[in-house]
Amino acid sequence: MKLNKKIVLVSAVALMALSPAVALTQNNEPVFAASKKAVKNTIKTSANGITLYNSKGNFYTGKLKVKSDSTVKTYGNPVWITSRISLLSTDSFPVIRINNGQNYVWLGDKGYIKSNCLGSINKKGVINIARNGYVYDKNGKRLKSYRGGKATVTRNQKIKYAGKLTETSRELYYYVGSGAYVKAKDISQVAGKNVMFLKTNTYVYNKKGQRIKKQGTLRKGTLVTYSGSAKAASSSDDFFFYPSESSNKDPQALKQYKIKGEVYYALGGGRYVKAVNVSKINGQYVFTKQPTYVIPRADMYVLNKDLKETSKVVRAGSKVKIDQVLIDTDYTDPQLYVRIAGTKDQFLYWTDAGDYPDEDEGNFSFRFFMDDNHNFAESTQSLVTFKQGLEKTTPLYNAQGQLVDLGGKYLEKAARGNFLPENNYQVDYARYIWLPSEKKAELFYHLIGTTFSMRDPHSKYEYTWVKQNVGSVYVKASDVTFKGLKVKTQNTAEEATKLAEK
């Protein structure tokens, strides 16, 4: 076997105590070299929580424990394990098709039923119909016949789902003993070498962007070592990653080479791979600063800036370009959204923000993850929050600069179940108002709306909220913290003063 010098590919057939090198076996599996400082036949797990699997790719139930960010001995060669996943328990089922504002459920062939006709479905794919209805085609048009009979369904009817109920997943695993395996994508080092995880089949290129054919194709799902080491990410880096999923501080990046307008990572020895083919570095997801795309698992409604459904729909399996990831923190159960590229007010809902980033969760998959440090409300609204010490009084003023009598109550948003909202209030403009009591003009923000949720501290119940119409009101700028989109100021302090003197 002839070895090409200076590239170290990790995914497996043997460990070699040689200088960094790479070659492909007859099965197109890379061979890799161990670091001189590291013990052969070891891996280092990623800094995130580690899940162990058995030889069938299912969750491991044995006694072995493996910690995050720890070096673990491996046994034998890494192996490809094909596991079967039930689609009935994933976000991909049922498959929803939207036509003219109506949700339809796919029956696995040419038939669709309205979603309100769907009852339960058992593990064998037998659907129990919840109510009488019709069978439609993918465009929402009623079929004349279905499966050799009438194109109707009746309550409690049993229909066999005709689509696939399972799918297979083939992934590379490292055996760590006692019947336990670790997925390659959850590994940060092999034999002391930091590694990248390949999301797709990958070619190797030279510094001119020309394919090096003798290197063959590096397989999807394998690990490859890289040249150099990670450094603090700079503003010029298109791709970056974090030391762990639990922190969005101190982003890191590998040196990135621009070749013919594309970004590459160096493997050493004048060899490079395209950065877009790498989804993890040192066991951590790669993020991008550039617009990317998501692929919906089912048809989805586009949401407006108020998170209300619009008439616009994106289809399952389509590529939707996005340019921002946002978190709605209005309640203590933060939710995550993405903004459709080229728009200011069109969004798609992913799922709970606590699951981000995770390629197996949510209503759509990401080509690349993006930073989620954008607050949804602050990116789409103009908000104020009362400063500390004023949360229990929330002074409001009318257009004449007079305090509004709230009867001892104060502004506070009502809880939603166990979730408490942030007490942010939308404003639409700023204005200087003359204050008779202080004999000067001060800046105020105008609150959107006239009826607000109020807390009554004198109620006999600890948590009592009431709705109260207070009319058009303002808050003093010095009493609140402003955040979000800027608002226009309608006048100046001098204009407000002159108006009061008339």
Protein backbone atom coordinates (compact mmCIF):
# COMPACT_ATOMS: atom_id res chain seq x y z
CA MET A 1 0.00 0.00 0.00
CA LYS A 2 1.52 3.31 -1.06
CA LEU A 3 1.05 6.19 1.36
CA ASN A 4 0.74 9.82 0.28
CA LYS A 5 2.69 11.95 2.74
CA LYS A 6 1.50 14.66 5.09
CA ILE A 7 -2.28 14.19 5.11
CA VAL A 8 -3.89 12.41 8.01
CA LEU A 9 -7.35 11.02 7.40
CA VAL A 10 -9.19 9.39 10.22
CA SER A 11 -11.99 7.02 9.77
CA ALA A 12 -10.50 3.88 9.60
CA VAL A 13 -9.10 0.65 9.14
CA ALA A 14 -5.92 0.67 11.17
CA LEU A 15 -3.86 2.84 13.44
CA MET A 16 -0.32 3.43 12.29
CA ALA A 17 2.52 4.81 14.39
CA LEU A 18 3.99 6.62 11.41
CA SER A 19 4.46 10.20 10.32
CA PRO A 20 1.19 11.79 9.17
CA ALA A 21 0.04 9.99 6.07
CA VAL A 22 -3.02 8.94 4.14
CA ALA A 23 -4.06 6.16 1.84
CA LEU A 24 -7.25 4.44 0.83
CA THR A 25 -7.90 0.74 1.18
CA GLN A 26 -9.73 -1.28 -1.42
CA ASN A 27 -12.92 -0.45 0.47
CA ASN A 28 -12.17 3.27 0.16
CA GLU A 29 -11.53 3.56 3.90
CA PRO A 30 -8.81 6.02 5.00
CA VAL A 31 -5.87 4.90 7.09
CA PHE A 32 -4.55 7.35 9.67
CA ALA A 33 -1.49 7.96 11.79
CA ALA A 34 -1.27 8.45 15.52
CA SER A 35 0.25 11.45 17.24
CA LYS A 36 3.63 10.66 18.77
CA LYS A 37 2.40 12.12 22.07
CA ALA A 38 -0.78 10.08 22.17
CA VAL A 39 -1.48 6.44 22.82
CA LYS A 40 -2.60 4.54 19.77
CA ASN A 41 -6.15 3.23 19.69
CA THR A 42 -7.65 6.16 21.59
CA ILE A 43 -10.31 8.74 20.92
CA LYS A 44 -11.27 11.90 22.75
CA THR A 45 -14.96 12.53 23.12
CA SER A 46 -16.47 15.93 22.36
CA ALA A 47 -17.09 18.48 25.11
CA ASN A 48 -20.84 17.91 24.87
CA GLY A 49 -22.82 15.14 26.53
CA ILE A 50 -21.91 11.75 25.06
CA THR A 51 -24.45 9.12 24.06
CA LEU A 52 -23.34 5.50 23.81
CA TYR A 53 -24.82 3.00 21.36
CA ASN A 54 -24.91 -0.78 20.98
CA SER A 55 -23.83 -2.83 17.98
CA LYS A 56 -27.18 -2.20 16.27
CA GLY A 57 -26.98 1.57 16.59
CA ASN A 58 -29.59 1.68 19.36
CA PHE A 59 -29.12 3.34 22.74
CA TYR A 60 -26.65 1.50 24.96
CA THR A 61 -28.10 0.13 28.22
CA GLY A 62 -24.98 -1.44 29.70
CA LYS A 63 -22.89 -0.37 32.67
CA LEU A 64 -20.03 1.41 30.89
CA LYS A 65 -19.86 5.18 31.46
CA VAL A 66 -17.96 7.59 29.22
CA LYS A 67 -17.48 11.23 30.17
CA SER A 68 -17.48 14.22 27.84
CA ASP A 69 -14.10 15.62 26.81
CA SER A 70 -12.26 12.49 27.94
CA THR A 71 -9.73 10.18 26.30
CA VAL A 72 -11.05 6.66 25.83
CA LYS A 73 -9.38 3.48 24.60
CA THR A 74 -10.85 1.90 21.47
CA TYR A 75 -10.79 -1.70 20.29
CA GLY A 76 -10.52 -2.96 16.74
CA ASN A 77 -11.32 -0.96 13.65
CA PRO A 78 -14.11 1.60 13.44
CA VAL A 79 -17.23 0.03 11.97
CA TRP A 80 -20.17 1.16 9.88
CA ILE A 81 -23.46 0.38 11.60
CA THR A 82 -26.77 0.58 9.78
CA SER A 83 -29.67 1.30 12.11
CA ARG A 84 -33.36 1.46 11.33
CA ILE A 85 -35.32 4.49 12.52
CA SER A 86 -39.09 4.60 12.90
CA LEU A 87 -40.45 7.64 11.09
CA LEU A 88 -43.62 7.56 13.17
CA SER A 89 -41.80 9.08 16.13
CA THR A 90 -39.96 11.83 14.26
CA ASP A 91 -40.76 15.39 13.23
CA SER A 92 -41.16 14.06 9.68
CA PHE A 93 -44.46 12.34 10.47
CA PRO A 94 -47.21 12.84 9.64
CA VAL A 95 -46.26 14.43 6.33
CA ILE A 96 -48.29 17.63 6.05
CA ARG A 97 -49.29 19.18 2.73
CA ILE A 98 -50.82 22.67 2.74
CA ASN A 99 -53.23 23.82 0.03
CA ASN A 100 -55.24 27.04 0.15
CA GLY A 101 -54.86 27.36 3.90
CA GLN A 102 -55.94 23.77 4.60
CA ASN A 103 -53.65 21.13 6.11
CA TYR A 104 -53.72 17.68 4.54
CA VAL A 105 -52.08 14.48 5.76
CA TRP A 106 -50.36 12.25 3.21
CA LEU A 107 -51.48 8.61 3.18
CA GLY A 108 -48.23 7.45 1.61
CA ASP A 109 -49.48 7.17 -1.98
CA LYS A 110 -51.60 9.49 -4.14
CA GLY A 111 -54.12 10.12 -1.38
CA TYR A 112 -54.41 12.88 1.22
CA ILE A 113 -56.97 13.50 3.95
CA LYS A 114 -57.69 16.68 5.87
CA SER A 115 -55.70 16.81 9.08
CA ASN A 116 -58.82 16.81 11.24
CA CYS A 117 -59.63 13.34 9.89
CA LEU A 118 -56.40 11.92 11.28
CA GLY A 119 -56.85 9.98 14.50
CA SER A 120 -54.17 7.64 15.81
CA ILE A 121 -51.63 5.50 13.99
CA ASN A 122 -50.08 2.33 15.38
CA LYS A 123 -46.53 1.06 14.94
CA LYS A 124 -47.62 -1.04 11.95
CA GLY A 125 -48.78 2.07 10.12
CA VAL A 126 -52.52 1.53 10.49
CA ILE A 127 -54.36 4.85 10.67
CA ASN A 128 -57.57 5.22 12.64
CA ILE A 129 -59.84 7.81 10.99
CA ALA A 130 -61.26 10.34 13.45
CA ARG A 131 -64.17 11.67 11.36
CA ASN A 132 -65.89 11.29 8.01
CA GLY A 133 -64.19 12.95 5.08
CA TYR A 134 -62.87 12.71 1.55
CA VAL A 135 -59.60 11.70 -0.06
CA TYR A 136 -57.77 14.35 -2.11
CA ASP A 137 -54.80 14.61 -4.42
CA LYS A 138 -51.66 16.59 -3.53
CA ASN A 139 -53.25 19.80 -4.82
CA GLY A 140 -56.31 19.50 -2.58
CA LYS A 141 -58.66 18.28 -5.33
CA ARG A 142 -61.09 15.49 -4.43
CA LEU A 143 -60.28 12.15 -6.03
CA LYS A 144 -62.99 10.26 -7.90
CA SER A 145 -61.78 6.92 -6.56
CA TYR A 146 -59.11 5.69 -4.17
CA ARG A 147 -57.47 2.27 -3.83
CA GLY A 148 -60.14 0.71 -6.00
CA GLY A 149 -63.10 2.13 -4.09
CA LYS A 150 -64.78 5.36 -3.08
CA ALA A 151 -62.55 8.31 -2.30
CA THR A 152 -64.04 8.74 1.16
CA VAL A 153 -63.11 7.90 4.73
CA THR A 154 -65.44 7.22 7.64
CA ARG A 155 -65.06 7.57 11.36
CA ASN A 156 -63.17 4.63 12.99
CA GLN A 157 -62.17 3.29 9.58
CA LYS A 158 -58.72 1.67 9.49
CA ILE A 159 -56.40 2.64 6.62
CA LYS A 160 -52.93 1.26 6.06
CA TYR A 161 -50.31 3.98 5.54
CA ALA A 162 -48.72 3.24 2.16
CA GLY A 163 -45.47 5.15 2.64
CA LYS A 164 -42.32 3.92 4.32
CA LEU A 165 -42.50 3.61 8.09
CA THR A 166 -38.77 3.39 8.69
CA GLU A 167 -35.56 4.59 7.16
CA THR A 168 -32.00 3.43 7.54
CA SER A 169 -29.08 5.44 8.84
CA ARG A 170 -25.49 4.30 8.21
CA GLU A 171 -22.90 5.86 10.48
CA LEU A 172 -19.32 5.24 11.55
CA TYR A 173 -18.75 4.11 15.16
CA TYR A 174 -15.74 3.45 17.39
CA TYR A 175 -15.92 0.52 19.80
CA VAL A 176 -14.97 1.46 23.38
CA GLY A 177 -15.59 -1.89 25.05
CA SER A 178 -18.35 -3.57 27.08
CA GLY A 179 -20.62 -3.57 24.04
CA ALA A 180 -20.58 0.24 23.73
CA TYR A 181 -19.86 2.39 20.68
CA VAL A 182 -19.31 6.13 20.12
CA LYS A 183 -20.40 7.86 16.90
CA ALA A 184 -17.59 9.35 14.83
CA LYS A 185 -19.37 12.71 14.76
CA ASP A 186 -19.14 12.89 18.58
CA ILE A 187 -15.35 12.61 18.57
CA SER A 188 -12.91 15.52 18.83
CA GLN A 189 -9.63 13.61 18.52
CA VAL A 190 -8.39 10.29 17.22
CA ALA A 191 -5.00 9.06 18.41
CA GLY A 192 -4.24 12.55 19.71
CA LYS A 193 -5.09 14.34 16.48
CA ASN A 194 -7.87 16.94 16.21
CA VAL A 195 -10.40 16.01 13.54
CA MET A 196 -13.09 17.33 11.23
CA PHE A 197 -16.31 15.47 10.43
CA LEU A 198 -17.32 15.26 6.77
CA LYS A 199 -21.01 15.83 6.11
CA THR A 200 -20.83 14.84 2.45
CA ASN A 201 -18.56 12.86 0.15
CA THR A 202 -15.54 15.05 -0.44
CA TYR A 203 -12.78 15.44 -3.00
CA VAL A 204 -9.25 16.58 -2.20
CA TYR A 205 -7.89 19.62 -4.08
CA ASN A 206 -4.57 21.36 -4.64
CA LYS A 207 -3.88 25.04 -3.96
CA LYS A 208 -5.29 25.96 -7.38
CA GLY A 209 -8.64 24.33 -6.65
CA GLN A 210 -7.93 21.38 -8.93
CA ARG A 211 -9.04 17.93 -7.84
CA ILE A 212 -6.30 15.47 -6.89
CA LYS A 213 -7.83 12.34 -8.38
CA LYS A 214 -5.36 9.90 -6.82
CA GLN A 215 -6.73 10.88 -3.41
CA GLY A 216 -10.07 9.34 -4.34
CA THR A 217 -13.24 10.38 -2.54
CA LEU A 218 -13.34 10.92 1.20
CA ARG A 219 -16.52 9.35 2.47
CA LYS A 220 -19.45 11.09 4.06
CA GLY A 221 -19.54 10.46 7.80
CA THR A 222 -15.80 9.97 8.27
CA LEU A 223 -13.20 11.97 10.18
CA VAL A 224 -10.19 13.77 8.74
CA THR A 225 -7.31 15.49 10.49
CA TYR A 226 -6.34 19.00 9.49
CA SER A 227 -3.21 21.11 9.27
CA GLY A 228 -2.52 23.69 11.97
CA SER A 229 -4.71 24.41 14.96
CA ALA A 230 -7.83 26.36 15.81
CA LYS A 231 -7.44 30.04 16.70
CA ALA A 232 -9.79 32.74 17.92
CA ALA A 233 -12.24 33.46 15.10
CA SER A 234 -11.93 36.81 13.33
CA SER A 235 -14.50 38.92 11.51
CA SER A 236 -13.12 37.67 8.18
CA ASP A 237 -13.78 34.00 8.92
CA ASP A 238 -16.81 32.61 7.08
CA PHE A 239 -17.00 29.53 9.31
CA PHE A 240 -16.40 29.11 13.04
CA PHE A 241 -17.25 26.87 15.99
CA TYR A 242 -17.49 27.07 19.76
CA PRO A 243 -15.50 25.08 22.35
CA SER A 244 -18.77 23.55 23.57
CA GLU A 245 -22.48 23.65 22.74
CA SER A 246 -23.28 25.14 26.14
CA SER A 247 -21.46 28.39 25.39
CA ASN A 248 -21.59 30.97 22.62
CA LYS A 249 -18.43 32.71 23.80
CA ASP A 250 -14.90 32.59 22.41
CA PRO A 251 -15.65 31.35 18.87
CA GLN A 252 -12.79 29.53 17.17
CA ALA A 253 -11.89 28.91 13.55
CA LEU A 254 -9.39 27.07 11.41
CA LYS A 255 -7.32 28.99 8.90
CA GLN A 256 -9.49 29.46 5.83
CA TYR A 257 -8.12 29.61 2.31
CA LYS A 258 -10.02 31.33 -0.48
CA ILE A 259 -9.50 29.51 -3.77
CA LYS A 260 -11.52 30.66 -6.77
CA GLY A 261 -14.04 32.29 -4.45
CA GLU A 262 -14.59 29.19 -2.28
CA VAL A 263 -13.38 28.52 1.25
CA TYR A 264 -11.08 25.56 1.90
CA TYR A 265 -9.38 23.94 4.89
CA ALA A 266 -5.81 22.66 4.64
CA LEU A 267 -5.02 19.00 5.25
CA GLY A 268 -1.29 19.52 4.85
CA GLY A 269 1.06 18.68 2.02
CA GLY A 270 -0.66 21.09 -0.37
CA ARG A 271 -4.02 19.33 -0.04
CA TYR A 272 -7.33 21.01 0.74
CA VAL A 273 -11.01 20.19 1.22
CA LYS A 274 -13.97 22.49 0.75
CA ALA A 275 -15.17 24.00 4.02
CA VAL A 276 -18.83 23.54 3.03
CA ASN A 277 -18.33 19.77 3.29
CA VAL A 278 -17.28 19.93 6.96
CA SER A 279 -20.06 20.03 9.56
CA LYS A 280 -18.06 19.52 12.76
CA ILE A 281 -14.59 20.50 13.96
CA ASN A 282 -13.16 19.00 17.15
CA GLY A 283 -16.57 17.47 17.80
CA GLN A 284 -18.40 20.82 17.62
CA TYR A 285 -20.92 22.02 15.04
CA VAL A 286 -19.63 24.48 12.47
CA PHE A 287 -21.50 27.80 12.18
CA THR A 288 -21.52 30.24 9.29
CA LYS A 289 -21.78 34.02 9.09
CA GLN A 290 -23.08 33.84 5.55
CA PRO A 291 -26.69 33.19 4.51
CA THR A 292 -27.41 29.48 4.41
CA TYR A 293 -30.51 27.38 3.79
CA VAL A 294 -32.90 25.11 5.65
CA ILE A 295 -34.95 22.18 4.38
CA PRO A 296 -38.47 21.84 5.87
CA ARG A 297 -39.47 18.33 6.92
CA ALA A 298 -43.11 19.13 6.05
CA ASP A 299 -45.00 22.01 4.45
CA MET A 300 -44.85 25.09 6.66
CA TYR A 301 -46.57 28.45 6.88
CA VAL A 302 -44.41 31.53 6.72
CA LEU A 303 -44.91 33.71 9.81
CA ASN A 304 -45.00 37.50 10.01
CA LYS A 305 -43.22 39.67 12.59
CA ASP A 306 -46.10 39.07 15.01
CA LEU A 307 -45.54 35.31 14.58
CA LYS A 308 -48.90 34.91 12.90
CA GLU A 309 -49.36 32.56 9.95
CA THR A 310 -49.44 34.19 6.54
CA SER A 311 -50.86 32.70 3.34
CA LYS A 312 -47.34 31.96 2.11
CA VAL A 313 -46.18 28.33 2.30
CA VAL A 314 -42.79 26.66 1.90
CA ARG A 315 -42.82 23.08 0.66
CA ALA A 316 -41.33 20.02 2.35
CA GLY A 317 -37.92 19.18 0.93
CA SER A 318 -37.36 22.60 -0.63
CA LYS A 319 -34.29 24.71 0.06
CA VAL A 320 -35.21 27.94 1.83
CA LYS A 321 -32.47 30.55 2.06
CA ILE A 322 -32.17 32.21 5.48
CA ASP A 323 -29.99 34.99 6.83
CA GLN A 324 -30.71 35.10 10.55
CA VAL A 325 -31.54 32.87 13.51
CA LEU A 326 -33.60 34.47 16.27
CA ILE A 327 -34.84 33.45 19.71
CA ASP A 328 -38.15 34.58 21.12
CA THR A 329 -37.56 35.02 24.85
CA ASP A 330 -40.91 36.58 25.64
CA TYR A 331 -41.61 33.62 27.91
CA THR A 332 -39.33 31.41 29.99
CA ASP A 333 -39.69 28.73 27.31
CA PRO A 334 -37.62 30.35 24.50
CA GLN A 335 -38.51 29.41 20.93
CA LEU A 336 -36.29 29.59 17.86
CA TYR A 337 -37.09 31.07 14.46
CA VAL A 338 -35.20 31.80 11.25
CA ARG A 339 -35.65 34.77 8.94
CA ILE A 340 -36.11 34.14 5.23
CA ALA A 341 -33.28 35.84 3.35
CA GLY A 342 -34.12 39.07 1.58
CA THR A 343 -37.04 39.86 3.88
CA LYS A 344 -37.47 41.82 7.09
CA ASP A 345 -40.66 40.22 8.34
CA GLN A 346 -40.92 36.61 7.10
CA PHE A 347 -39.98 33.81 9.47
CA LEU A 348 -40.13 30.04 9.97
CA TYR A 349 -40.52 28.30 13.31
CA TRP A 350 -37.95 25.63 14.24
CA THR A 351 -38.69 24.36 17.78
CA ASP A 352 -37.59 24.99 21.39
CA ALA A 353 -34.41 27.06 21.44
CA GLY A 354 -32.96 24.69 24.03
CA ASP A 355 -32.53 22.03 21.33
CA TYR A 356 -30.31 24.27 19.17
CA PRO A 357 -28.01 23.32 17.56
CA ASP A 358 -29.05 19.75 16.79
CA GLU A 359 -29.36 18.42 13.26
CA ASP A 360 -31.93 15.81 14.29
CA GLU A 361 -34.41 18.20 15.92
CA GLY A 362 -36.87 20.80 14.71
CA ASN A 363 -39.26 21.41 11.83
CA PHE A 364 -36.41 21.72 9.34
CA SER A 365 -32.76 20.79 8.95
CA PHE A 366 -29.97 23.35 8.60
CA ARG A 367 -27.29 23.23 5.91
CA PHE A 368 -25.17 25.17 8.38
CA PHE A 369 -26.08 26.57 11.75
CA MET A 370 -25.94 30.32 12.36
CA ASP A 371 -25.43 32.22 15.61
CA ASP A 372 -28.63 32.43 17.63
CA ASN A 373 -27.67 35.64 19.43
CA HIS A 374 -30.47 37.66 17.83
CA ASN A 375 -33.45 38.36 20.07
CA PHE A 376 -36.64 38.06 18.04
CA ALA A 377 -38.51 40.87 19.76
CA GLU A 378 -35.56 43.25 19.63
CA SER A 379 -34.96 42.47 15.95
CA THR A 380 -38.55 43.15 14.92
CA GLN A 381 -39.97 45.59 17.48
CA SER A 382 -39.23 48.74 19.47
CA LEU A 383 -39.39 47.90 23.17
CA VAL A 384 -39.07 49.47 26.60
CA THR A 385 -38.65 47.85 30.01
CA PHE A 386 -39.10 49.66 33.30
CA LYS A 387 -35.87 50.13 35.21
CA GLN A 388 -35.15 48.47 38.53
CA GLY A 389 -37.17 50.06 41.31
CA LEU A 390 -40.03 51.03 39.00
CA GLU A 391 -41.32 47.54 38.12
CA LYS A 392 -43.92 47.70 40.89
CA THR A 393 -45.17 51.20 40.04
CA THR A 394 -44.74 51.49 36.24
CA PRO A 395 -45.57 55.23 36.04
CA LEU A 396 -47.63 56.13 32.96
CA TYR A 397 -48.35 59.61 31.62
CA ASN A 398 -50.94 61.15 29.35
CA ALA A 399 -50.22 63.53 26.49
CA GLN A 400 -50.35 66.50 28.90
CA GLY A 401 -47.53 65.09 31.02
CA GLN A 402 -49.83 64.12 33.89
CA LEU A 403 -49.49 60.83 35.78
CA VAL A 404 -52.27 58.33 35.07
CA ASP A 405 -53.99 56.95 38.17
CA LEU A 406 -53.68 53.15 38.05
CA GLY A 407 -55.51 52.60 41.34
CA GLY A 408 -52.51 51.00 43.01
CA LYS A 409 -52.00 48.50 40.23
CA TYR A 410 -49.01 48.28 37.89
CA LEU A 411 -48.21 46.89 34.45
CA GLU A 412 -47.25 43.22 34.43
CA LYS A 413 -47.85 40.61 31.76
CA ALA A 414 -49.88 37.60 32.85
CA ALA A 415 -48.27 34.19 33.11
CA ARG A 416 -48.92 31.54 30.47
CA GLY A 417 -49.17 28.34 32.46
CA ASN A 418 -45.84 28.00 34.25
CA PHE A 419 -44.14 30.44 31.90
CA LEU A 420 -43.60 34.06 32.86
CA PRO A 421 -43.17 36.61 30.06
CA GLU A 422 -40.62 39.37 29.88
CA ASN A 423 -42.22 42.67 30.76
CA ASN A 424 -41.26 44.41 27.54
CA TYR A 425 -43.72 46.88 26.04
CA GLN A 426 -43.88 47.93 22.42
CA VAL A 427 -43.60 51.61 21.51
CA ASP A 428 -44.19 53.28 18.16
CA TYR A 429 -42.68 56.76 18.51
CA ALA A 430 -40.92 59.15 20.85
CA ARG A 431 -42.08 62.65 21.77
CA TYR A 432 -41.03 65.48 24.06
CA ILE A 433 -43.78 66.40 26.51
CA TRP A 434 -43.89 69.41 28.83
CA LEU A 435 -44.08 68.36 32.48
CA PRO A 436 -45.99 70.97 34.50
CA SER A 437 -44.74 69.50 37.78
CA GLU A 438 -41.11 69.82 36.75
CA LYS A 439 -41.49 72.82 34.45
CA LYS A 440 -39.44 71.29 31.67
CA ALA A 441 -39.84 69.13 28.58
CA GLU A 442 -38.70 65.52 28.74
CA LEU A 443 -38.51 62.69 26.24
CA PHE A 444 -41.29 60.08 26.34
CA TYR A 445 -42.11 56.90 24.43
CA HIS A 446 -45.66 56.15 23.33
CA LEU A 447 -46.93 52.66 24.21
CA ILE A 448 -48.74 50.68 21.52
CA GLY A 449 -52.25 49.79 22.65
CA THR A 450 -54.64 51.12 25.25
CA THR A 451 -55.52 47.99 27.27
CA PHE A 452 -52.83 46.27 29.32
CA SER A 453 -52.44 43.40 31.73
CA MET A 454 -52.15 44.82 35.27
CA ARG A 455 -51.10 43.26 38.55
CA ASP A 456 -53.10 44.13 41.67
CA PRO A 457 -50.86 43.82 44.75
CA HIS A 458 -53.84 44.40 47.03
CA SER A 459 -55.75 41.38 45.76
CA LYS A 460 -56.26 38.53 48.23
CA TYR A 461 -54.76 36.18 45.63
CA GLU A 462 -51.01 36.32 45.08
CA TYR A 463 -51.19 35.99 41.31
CA THR A 464 -54.04 38.08 39.99
CA TRP A 465 -53.92 39.91 36.69
CA VAL A 466 -56.63 42.14 35.28
CA LYS A 467 -57.08 43.86 31.95
CA GLN A 468 -57.41 47.63 32.22
CA ASN A 469 -58.00 50.27 29.57
CA VAL A 470 -55.76 53.22 30.38
CA GLY A 471 -56.11 55.03 27.07
CA SER A 472 -53.23 56.43 25.06
CA VAL A 473 -50.25 56.60 27.42
CA TYR A 474 -46.55 57.39 27.50
CA VAL A 475 -43.56 56.33 29.59
CA LYS A 476 -40.75 58.67 30.53
CA ALA A 477 -37.54 57.76 28.69
CA SER A 478 -35.52 58.12 31.89
CA ASP A 479 -37.76 55.52 33.60
CA VAL A 480 -37.18 52.76 31.06
CA THR A 481 -34.53 50.90 29.11
CA PHE A 482 -35.03 51.06 25.36
CA LYS A 483 -34.06 48.19 23.05
CA GLY A 484 -34.82 47.02 19.56
CA LEU A 485 -35.63 49.03 16.44
CA LYS A 486 -35.19 52.77 16.61
CA VAL A 487 -38.27 55.00 16.62
CA LYS A 488 -38.72 58.49 15.26
CA THR A 489 -38.92 61.44 17.61
CA GLN A 490 -41.84 63.63 16.58
CA ASN A 491 -40.61 66.94 17.97
CA THR A 492 -37.86 68.66 19.91
CA ALA A 493 -37.65 69.79 23.53
CA GLU A 494 -37.73 73.41 22.34
CA GLU A 495 -40.91 72.82 20.34
CA ALA A 496 -42.61 71.18 23.34
CA THR A 497 -41.58 74.09 25.57
CA LYS A 498 -42.88 76.73 23.17
CA LEU A 499 -46.16 74.85 22.81
CA ALA A 500 -46.61 74.82 26.60
CA GLU A 501 -45.93 78.58 26.82
CA LYS A 502 -48.76 79.46 24.45
